[in-house]
Protein backbone atom coordinates (compact mmCIF):
# COMPACT_ATOMS: atom_id res chain seq x y z
CA MET A 1 0.01 0.07 -0.05
CA GLU A 2 1.30 3.42 -0.93
CA HIS A 3 2.48 5.45 2.24
CA GLY A 4 -0.22 8.29 1.59
CA ALA A 5 -2.99 5.69 1.59
CA HIS A 6 -2.69 4.44 5.12
CA LEU A 7 -5.31 5.69 7.56
CA VAL A 8 -4.05 7.80 10.65
CA ASP A 9 -6.08 9.04 13.45
CA VAL A 10 -7.24 12.60 13.81
CA LEU A 11 -7.36 13.73 17.54
CA ASP A 12 -9.03 16.53 19.28
CA LYS A 13 -7.24 18.94 21.77
CA THR A 14 -7.57 16.25 24.61
CA GLY A 15 -5.73 13.60 22.41
CA ALA A 16 -8.99 11.82 21.88
CA ILE A 17 -9.49 10.03 18.46
CA ILE A 18 -12.34 11.88 16.59
CA SER A 19 -11.89 10.49 13.11
CA SER A 20 -9.44 8.94 10.69
CA LYS A 21 -8.23 9.92 7.41
CA ARG A 22 -5.60 8.98 4.72
CA ARG A 23 -2.25 10.10 5.34
CA SER A 24 -2.09 12.07 2.13
CA ASP A 25 -5.33 13.96 3.28
CA VAL A 26 -3.98 15.21 6.54
CA ASP A 27 -3.38 18.83 6.65
CA LYS A 28 -0.55 19.28 9.05
CA SER A 29 -1.31 22.76 9.85
CA VAL A 30 -4.75 22.11 10.86
CA ASP A 31 -5.52 18.37 11.74
CA ILE A 32 -4.14 17.16 15.18
CA TYR A 33 -2.34 13.86 14.78
CA HIS A 34 -0.07 11.69 16.85
CA GLY A 35 3.56 12.31 15.73
CA VAL A 36 6.27 10.19 16.55
CA TYR A 37 9.83 11.53 16.69
CA ILE A 38 13.37 9.87 17.14
CA PHE A 39 16.27 11.70 18.58
CA LEU A 40 19.61 10.15 17.71
CA ILE A 41 22.37 10.75 20.28
CA THR A 42 25.85 9.45 19.32
CA PRO A 43 27.83 7.59 21.71
CA ARG A 44 29.88 10.67 22.34
CA GLY A 45 26.63 12.45 23.56
CA GLU A 46 26.20 14.58 20.44
CA VAL A 47 22.98 15.10 18.87
CA VAL A 48 22.05 14.20 15.26
CA LEU A 49 19.69 16.73 13.47
CA SER A 50 18.34 16.40 9.94
CA THR A 51 17.59 19.13 7.61
CA ILE A 52 13.96 18.56 6.79
CA PRO A 53 13.37 18.39 3.04
CA VAL A 54 10.70 20.03 0.69
CA ARG A 55 8.14 17.58 -0.23
CA GLU A 56 5.32 17.99 -2.71
CA ASP A 57 3.52 14.57 -2.19
CA LEU A 58 3.44 15.03 1.60
CA PRO A 59 4.36 18.59 2.60
CA ASN A 60 6.54 19.27 5.47
CA LEU A 61 5.74 22.21 7.87
CA TYR A 62 9.25 22.82 8.74
CA ALA A 63 10.97 22.41 5.17
CA GLN A 64 14.69 23.56 5.27
CA ARG A 65 14.79 23.76 9.12
CA LEU A 66 16.53 21.46 11.47
CA GLY A 67 14.57 18.97 13.48
CA ALA A 68 14.68 15.21 14.62
CA PRO A 69 16.56 12.91 12.36
CA ALA A 70 13.29 10.75 11.94
CA ALA A 71 9.68 11.49 12.36
CA THR A 72 6.27 9.97 11.38
CA ILE A 73 2.62 9.98 11.91
CA ARG A 74 1.05 7.01 13.93
CA ARG A 75 -1.08 5.03 11.59
CA SER A 76 -4.53 4.10 12.87
CA GLY A 77 -4.35 0.63 14.96
CA GLU A 78 -0.43 1.08 15.35
CA THR A 79 1.21 1.76 18.65
CA ALA A 80 3.78 4.57 19.10
CA GLU A 81 6.60 1.87 19.57
CA GLU A 82 5.37 0.17 16.18
CA ALA A 83 5.36 3.74 14.41
CA ALA A 84 8.92 4.43 15.73
CA ASP A 85 10.28 1.20 14.53
CA ARG A 86 8.68 1.71 11.18
CA CYS A 87 10.21 5.18 10.99
CA ALA A 88 13.58 3.93 11.97
CA THR A 89 13.60 1.31 9.37
CA ARG A 90 11.97 3.42 6.65
CA GLU A 91 13.66 6.81 7.14
CA LEU A 92 17.10 5.94 8.83
CA PHE A 93 17.55 2.37 7.28
CA ILE A 94 18.39 1.03 10.82
CA ASP A 95 16.46 -2.23 11.63
CA GLN A 96 15.83 -3.10 15.33
CA LEU A 97 17.18 0.24 16.55
CA PRO A 98 16.92 0.18 20.42
CA LEU A 99 14.47 3.04 21.02
CA LYS A 100 13.71 4.35 24.44
CA LEU A 101 10.41 6.39 25.08
CA VAL A 102 11.52 9.80 26.42
CA GLY A 103 8.12 11.33 26.75
CA GLU A 104 4.61 11.66 25.36
CA LYS A 105 2.22 14.45 25.52
CA MET A 106 0.13 17.08 23.72
CA TYR A 107 1.86 20.12 22.54
CA HIS A 108 0.18 23.50 21.93
CA LEU A 109 2.77 25.19 19.73
CA SER A 110 3.06 29.04 19.25
CA SER A 111 1.81 28.84 15.65
CA ASP A 112 -1.46 27.83 17.43
CA ARG A 113 -1.13 24.29 16.08
CA TYR A 114 -1.49 21.06 18.14
CA VAL A 115 0.47 17.85 17.94
CA TYR A 116 0.27 14.78 20.13
CA ALA A 117 4.01 13.65 20.26
CA SER A 118 5.72 10.37 21.25
CA VAL A 119 9.49 11.14 21.53
CA PHE A 120 11.96 8.41 21.51
CA CYS A 121 15.83 8.29 21.64
CA ALA A 122 18.39 5.87 20.61
CA ILE A 123 22.10 5.92 20.84
CA ALA A 124 23.65 5.61 17.29
CA GLU A 125 25.79 7.40 14.67
CA ALA A 126 24.14 9.19 11.93
CA PRO A 127 23.69 6.60 9.23
CA LEU A 128 25.53 6.91 5.99
CA ASN A 129 22.58 5.83 4.20
CA TYR A 130 19.08 6.92 4.85
CA SER A 131 15.92 7.98 2.95
CA LEU A 132 16.49 10.78 0.68
CA ILE A 133 12.86 11.52 0.42
CA ASP A 134 12.49 12.01 4.29
CA ILE A 135 15.83 13.36 5.10
CA GLU A 136 17.88 16.08 3.22
CA SER A 137 20.98 15.64 5.20
CA PHE A 138 22.38 15.34 8.89
CA LEU A 139 24.06 17.66 11.14
CA VAL A 140 25.87 16.45 14.22
CA VAL A 141 26.13 18.95 16.92
CA THR A 142 26.67 19.11 20.78
CA PRO A 143 23.94 19.98 23.32
CA ARG A 144 25.61 23.49 23.66
CA GLU A 145 25.46 24.22 20.01
CA ILE A 146 21.70 23.38 20.18
CA ASP A 147 21.21 25.51 22.81
CA ALA A 148 23.06 28.54 21.10
CA MET A 149 21.12 27.66 17.78
CA ILE A 150 17.77 28.04 19.75
CA GLU A 151 18.82 31.27 21.45
CA HIS A 152 20.33 33.01 18.33
CA HIS A 153 18.47 31.48 15.29
CA PRO A 154 15.33 29.84 16.43
CA GLU A 155 13.83 30.27 12.99
CA LYS A 156 16.33 27.62 11.60
CA ILE A 157 14.88 24.93 13.85
CA ALA A 158 11.60 23.27 13.54
CA GLU A 159 9.32 24.59 16.45
CA THR A 160 8.47 20.90 17.48
CA PHE A 161 12.06 19.93 17.92
CA ILE A 162 12.37 23.29 20.15
CA ALA A 163 9.55 22.15 22.24
CA PHE A 164 10.84 18.68 22.71
CA TRP A 165 14.47 19.84 23.49
CA HIS A 166 13.06 22.18 26.33
CA ASP A 167 10.97 19.31 27.74
CA TYR A 168 13.34 16.43 27.32
CA ARG A 169 16.86 17.68 27.25
CA LYS A 170 17.58 16.51 30.74
CA LYS A 171 16.30 13.10 30.02
CA LEU A 172 18.42 12.32 26.94
CA PRO A 173 21.68 10.49 27.30
CA LEU A 174 24.03 13.51 26.63
């Protein structure tokens, strides 16, 4: 089945499922969905960021900004863990990546957009081969460099990543 044809749940502001629609019909700027994000931390405690690509088929809200190296929308009937495993395999080309749930909650972003997010982390190097559809490039940085980017150039980073970083930085194996 084509990726855009899978059903995903649409949520209300409390996180309750109110309907389902095909992934290709989701409007990320309006619909509330369950996003699943993976942070990669190198064995040296650096953070792997990705440049989010421009896409015509399934548009990205934060194209050309830095964000989590892998992200997906949880499909109907799928657990967050299953979605994270699918995402690691499909985007990072890493099978059986040992993922740890860092946190899960509803976010109300400053753009007046909501997203329910499950954030996972794993210790791994940035892969040499990965999905060029989902990832433009990787950047490996220190936690201090991320703090400086957020302070001086927040417009270069996905709003979701900034929210997750503030909430989970102390829980990450940095």
